[in-house]
C-alpha cells in the first residue's frame, strides 16, 4: 500500500515500511499514445529504490530482495522501475509504487525449506525386480553357451 510517507507492505505477521525519502522520483517524456500532447508533457514515471541503504528493510528481506531482483539492479544496487502505461503522471507514479509493493511482498515470503523424503522400500524393490526381469529377457535372447 502506497502512502505519502512511503510504501507499507505486510505479510500478515510483519510490516515493512519503506520511507518516501528512500525513493528517488524522476518524470520524463513518455512514448506511446497522446498525439502532440505527448511531446510536451513528462508523464512517464521512473522511481529509483536504493535497496542497500534503505533502513526500513529487515536484513532477511533485503537479502531475498537482492537475490530475486539481481538482474534488474544497477551496479550500485539500485532498482529502477518505470511506468508509462497511462497518460497521466500520477497514475504512472501509482503504477510504479504498485510494482515495487508487489516485489516487496514477494521478498517478504520466507521460502519453505525442502524436506528430503526417503524412497519407499516397495519402490526400490519394484525397480530391482524390473531390472532382473529385463536382464533375464536379454539373457534369453543370447545364444546358449556350449
C-alpha atoms as a PDB file:
ATOM      1  CA  UNK A   1       0.000   0.000   0.000  1.00  0.00           C
ATOM      2  CA  UNK A   2       1.462   3.354  -1.016  1.00  0.00           C
ATOM      3  CA  UNK A   3       1.105   6.322   1.296  1.00  0.00           C
ATOM      4  CA  UNK A   4       2.502   9.818   1.371  1.00  0.00           C
ATOM      5  CA  UNK A   5       5.048   8.507   3.872  1.00  0.00           C
ATOM      6  CA  UNK A   6       6.263   5.758   1.539  1.00  0.00           C
ATOM      7  CA  UNK A   7       5.262   2.164   0.989  1.00  0.00           C
ATOM      8  CA  UNK A   8       3.799  -0.122   3.645  1.00  0.00           C
ATOM      9  CA  UNK A   9       3.785  -3.856   2.903  1.00  0.00           C
ATOM     10  CA  UNK A  10       2.661  -6.647   5.199  1.00  0.00           C
ATOM     11  CA  UNK A  11       2.580 -10.437   5.021  1.00  0.00           C
ATOM     12  CA  UNK A  12       0.165 -10.840   7.928  1.00  0.00           C
ATOM     13  CA  UNK A  13       2.856 -11.137  10.592  1.00  0.00           C
ATOM     14  CA  UNK A  14       5.432  -8.492   9.742  1.00  0.00           C
ATOM     15  CA  UNK A  15       5.099  -4.977   8.430  1.00  0.00           C
ATOM     16  CA  UNK A  16       7.786  -3.420   6.243  1.00  0.00           C
ATOM     17  CA  UNK A  17       7.741   0.328   5.720  1.00  0.00           C
ATOM     18  CA  UNK A  18       9.855   1.938   3.007  1.00  0.00           C
ATOM     19  CA  UNK A  19      10.101   5.664   3.760  1.00  0.00           C
ATOM     20  CA  UNK A  20       9.339   8.145   0.991  1.00  0.00           C
ATOM     21  CA  UNK A  21      12.851   9.617   1.159  1.00  0.00           C
ATOM     22  CA  UNK A  22      14.251   6.194   0.117  1.00  0.00           C
ATOM     23  CA  UNK A  23      12.548   6.640  -3.256  1.00  0.00           C
ATOM     24  CA  UNK A  24      14.007   8.942  -5.883  1.00  0.00           C
ATOM     25  CA  UNK A  25      11.465  10.099  -8.464  1.00  0.00           C
ATOM     26  CA  UNK A  26      12.001  11.316 -11.992  1.00  0.00           C
ATOM     27  CA  UNK A  27       9.399  12.227 -14.596  1.00  0.00           C
ATOM     28  CA  UNK A  28      10.358  12.139 -18.259  1.00  0.00           C
ATOM     29  CA  UNK A  29       8.698  12.279 -21.634  1.00  0.00           C
ATOM     30  CA  UNK A  30       6.771   9.175 -22.495  1.00  0.00           C
ATOM     31  CA  UNK A  31       6.360   7.329 -25.756  1.00  0.00           C
ATOM     32  CA  UNK A  32       3.042   5.920 -26.794  1.00  0.00           C
ATOM     33  CA  UNK A  33      -0.432   7.425 -27.199  1.00  0.00           C
ATOM     34  CA  UNK A  34      -1.191  11.059 -26.664  1.00  0.00           C
ATOM     35  CA  UNK A  35      -0.705  12.778 -30.016  1.00  0.00           C
ATOM     36  CA  UNK A  36       1.077  16.126 -29.908  1.00  0.00           C
ATOM     37  CA  UNK A  37       0.413  16.354 -26.195  1.00  0.00           C
ATOM     38  CA  UNK A  38       2.890  13.538 -25.511  1.00  0.00           C
ATOM     39  CA  UNK A  39       5.693  15.745 -26.859  1.00  0.00           C
ATOM     40  CA  UNK A  40       5.048  18.435 -24.242  1.00  0.00           C
ATOM     41  CA  UNK A  41       4.332  16.540 -21.025  1.00  0.00           C
ATOM     42  CA  UNK A  42       6.502  14.401 -18.814  1.00  0.00           C
ATOM     43  CA  UNK A  43       4.068  11.678 -17.904  1.00  0.00           C
ATOM     44  CA  UNK A  44       6.441   8.707 -17.656  1.00  0.00           C
ATOM     45  CA  UNK A  45       7.344   7.968 -14.037  1.00  0.00           C
ATOM     46  CA  UNK A  46      10.704   6.485 -13.042  1.00  0.00           C
ATOM     47  CA  UNK A  47      11.423   5.582  -9.429  1.00  0.00           C
ATOM     48  CA  UNK A  48      14.819   4.552  -8.095  1.00  0.00           C
ATOM     49  CA  UNK A  49      14.996   2.488  -4.931  1.00  0.00           C
ATOM     50  CA  UNK A  50      18.372   2.003  -3.252  1.00  0.00           C
ATOM     51  CA  UNK A  51      17.935  -1.385  -1.628  1.00  0.00           C
ATOM     52  CA  UNK A  52      21.249  -1.352   0.214  1.00  0.00           C
ATOM     53  CA  UNK A  53      20.682   1.918   2.039  1.00  0.00           C
ATOM     54  CA  UNK A  54      17.000   1.558   2.910  1.00  0.00           C
ATOM     55  CA  UNK A  55      16.625   1.492   6.694  1.00  0.00           C
ATOM     56  CA  UNK A  56      13.074   0.124   6.618  1.00  0.00           C
ATOM     57  CA  UNK A  57      14.019  -3.313   5.274  1.00  0.00           C
ATOM     58  CA  UNK A  58      14.916  -6.156   7.638  1.00  0.00           C
ATOM     59  CA  UNK A  59      18.125  -7.922   6.647  1.00  0.00           C
ATOM     60  CA  UNK A  60      16.490 -11.218   5.625  1.00  0.00           C
ATOM     61  CA  UNK A  61      14.006  -9.386   3.387  1.00  0.00           C
ATOM     62  CA  UNK A  62      16.840  -7.323   1.896  1.00  0.00           C
ATOM     63  CA  UNK A  63      18.816 -10.487   1.044  1.00  0.00           C
ATOM     64  CA  UNK A  64      15.805 -12.144  -0.609  1.00  0.00           C
ATOM     65  CA  UNK A  65      15.036  -8.914  -2.471  1.00  0.00           C
ATOM     66  CA  UNK A  66      18.604  -8.665  -3.800  1.00  0.00           C
ATOM     67  CA  UNK A  67      18.652 -12.344  -4.764  1.00  0.00           C
ATOM     68  CA  UNK A  68      15.325 -12.212  -6.605  1.00  0.00           C
ATOM     69  CA  UNK A  69      15.914  -8.928  -8.422  1.00  0.00           C
ATOM     70  CA  UNK A  70      19.658  -9.086  -9.083  1.00  0.00           C
ATOM     71  CA  UNK A  71      19.140  -8.972 -12.856  1.00  0.00           C
ATOM     72  CA  UNK A  72      17.163  -5.724 -12.566  1.00  0.00           C
ATOM     73  CA  UNK A  73      19.594  -3.888 -10.271  1.00  0.00           C
ATOM     74  CA  UNK A  74      22.167  -1.374 -11.414  1.00  0.00           C
ATOM     75  CA  UNK A  75      25.821  -1.844 -10.494  1.00  0.00           C
ATOM     76  CA  UNK A  76      25.260   0.368  -7.449  1.00  0.00           C
ATOM     77  CA  UNK A  77      22.438  -1.862  -6.212  1.00  0.00           C
ATOM     78  CA  UNK A  78      19.614   0.490  -7.184  1.00  0.00           C
ATOM     79  CA  UNK A  79      16.341  -0.893  -8.509  1.00  0.00           C
ATOM     80  CA  UNK A  80      14.859   1.218 -11.312  1.00  0.00           C
ATOM     81  CA  UNK A  81      11.132   0.887 -12.002  1.00  0.00           C
ATOM     82  CA  UNK A  82       9.344   2.852 -14.693  1.00  0.00           C
ATOM     83  CA  UNK A  83       5.802   3.115 -15.939  1.00  0.00           C
ATOM     84  CA  UNK A  84       4.296   4.788 -18.977  1.00  0.00           C
ATOM     85  CA  UNK A  85       1.097   2.771 -19.305  1.00  0.00           C
ATOM     86  CA  UNK A  86      -1.150   5.731 -18.535  1.00  0.00           C
ATOM     87  CA  UNK A  87      -1.383   9.230 -19.961  1.00  0.00           C
ATOM     88  CA  UNK A  88      -1.375  10.881 -16.537  1.00  0.00           C
ATOM     89  CA  UNK A  89       1.710  11.334 -14.393  1.00  0.00           C
ATOM     90  CA  UNK A  90       0.032  10.472 -11.039  1.00  0.00           C
ATOM     91  CA  UNK A  91      -1.362   7.205 -12.405  1.00  0.00           C
ATOM     92  CA  UNK A  92       2.076   6.203 -13.693  1.00  0.00           C
ATOM     93  CA  UNK A  93       3.603   7.068 -10.305  1.00  0.00           C
ATOM     94  CA  UNK A  94       0.971   4.926  -8.572  1.00  0.00           C
ATOM     95  CA  UNK A  95       1.733   2.112 -11.020  1.00  0.00           C
ATOM     96  CA  UNK A  96       5.453   2.304 -10.112  1.00  0.00           C
ATOM     97  CA  UNK A  97       4.592   2.087  -6.414  1.00  0.00           C
ATOM     98  CA  UNK A  98       2.294  -0.879  -7.070  1.00  0.00           C
ATOM     99  CA  UNK A  99       5.111  -2.683  -8.914  1.00  0.00           C
ATOM    100  CA  UNK A 100       7.532  -2.007  -6.062  1.00  0.00           C
ATOM    101  CA  UNK A 101       4.965  -3.153  -3.491  1.00  0.00           C
ATOM    102  CA  UNK A 102       4.458  -6.416  -5.386  1.00  0.00           C
ATOM    103  CA  UNK A 103       8.220  -7.050  -5.440  1.00  0.00           C
ATOM    104  CA  UNK A 104       8.472  -6.336  -1.707  1.00  0.00           C
ATOM    105  CA  UNK A 105       5.537  -8.660  -0.948  1.00  0.00           C
ATOM    106  CA  UNK A 106       7.324 -11.478  -2.773  1.00  0.00           C
ATOM    107  CA  UNK A 107      10.536 -10.775  -0.848  1.00  0.00           C
ATOM    108  CA  UNK A 108       8.643 -10.923   2.466  1.00  0.00           C
ATOM    109  CA  UNK A 109       7.679 -14.562   1.923  1.00  0.00           C
ATOM    110  CA  UNK A 110      10.169 -16.935   3.510  1.00  0.00           C
ATOM    111  CA  UNK A 111      10.825 -19.944   1.301  1.00  0.00           C
ATOM    112  CA  UNK A 112       9.895 -23.197   2.946  1.00  0.00           C
ATOM    113  CA  UNK A 113      12.909 -25.474   3.310  1.00  0.00           C
ATOM    114  CA  UNK A 114      12.785 -28.669   1.326  1.00  0.00           C
ATOM    115  CA  UNK A 115      12.496 -31.789   3.430  1.00  0.00           C
ATOM    116  CA  UNK A 116      14.204 -34.775   1.893  1.00  0.00           C
ATOM    117  CA  UNK A 117      12.000 -37.807   1.656  1.00  0.00           C
ATOM    118  CA  UNK A 118      13.178 -41.371   1.684  1.00  0.00           C
ATOM    119  CA  UNK A 119      12.375 -43.615  -1.258  1.00  0.00           C
ATOM    120  CA  UNK A 120       9.822 -46.229  -0.179  1.00  0.00           C
ATOM    121  CA  UNK A 121      11.108 -49.804   0.112  1.00  0.00           C
ATOM    122  CA  UNK A 122       8.405 -51.009  -2.258  1.00  0.00           C
ATOM    123  CA  UNK A 123       9.619 -48.619  -4.963  1.00  0.00           C
ATOM    124  CA  UNK A 124      13.206 -49.829  -4.560  1.00  0.00           C
ATOM    125  CA  UNK A 125      12.034 -53.474  -4.671  1.00  0.00           C
ATOM    126  CA  UNK A 126       9.882 -52.854  -7.769  1.00  0.00           C
ATOM    127  CA  UNK A 127      12.775 -51.145  -9.558  1.00  0.00           C
ATOM    128  CA  UNK A 128      15.168 -54.012  -8.801  1.00  0.00           C
ATOM    129  CA  UNK A 129      12.577 -56.616  -9.826  1.00  0.00           C
ATOM    130  CA  UNK A 130      12.063 -54.831 -13.136  1.00  0.00           C
ATOM    131  CA  UNK A 131      15.837 -54.762 -13.711  1.00  0.00           C
ATOM    132  CA  UNK A 132      16.009 -58.519 -13.050  1.00  0.00           C
ATOM    133  CA  UNK A 133      13.130 -59.209 -15.475  1.00  0.00           C
ATOM    134  CA  UNK A 134      14.756 -57.088 -18.144  1.00  0.00           C
ATOM    135  CA  UNK A 135      18.103 -58.770 -17.572  1.00  0.00           C
ATOM    136  CA  UNK A 136      16.529 -62.213 -17.887  1.00  0.00           C
ATOM    137  CA  UNK A 137      14.755 -61.229 -21.110  1.00  0.00           C
ATOM    138  CA  UNK A 138      18.027 -60.069 -22.649  1.00  0.00           C
ATOM    139  CA  UNK A 139      19.905 -63.113 -21.358  1.00  0.00           C
ATOM    140  CA  UNK A 140      17.378 -65.417 -23.056  1.00  0.00           C
ATOM    141  CA  UNK A 141      17.994 -63.712 -26.401  1.00  0.00           C
ATOM    142  CA  UNK A 142      21.642 -64.741 -26.397  1.00  0.00           C
ATOM    143  CA  UNK A 143      22.966 -67.969 -27.839  1.00  0.00           C
ATOM    144  CA  UNK A 144      23.195 -70.655 -25.206  1.00  0.00           C
ATOM    145  CA  UNK A 145      26.692 -71.498 -24.015  1.00  0.00           C
ATOM    146  CA  UNK A 146      28.091 -74.848 -25.094  1.00  0.00           C
END
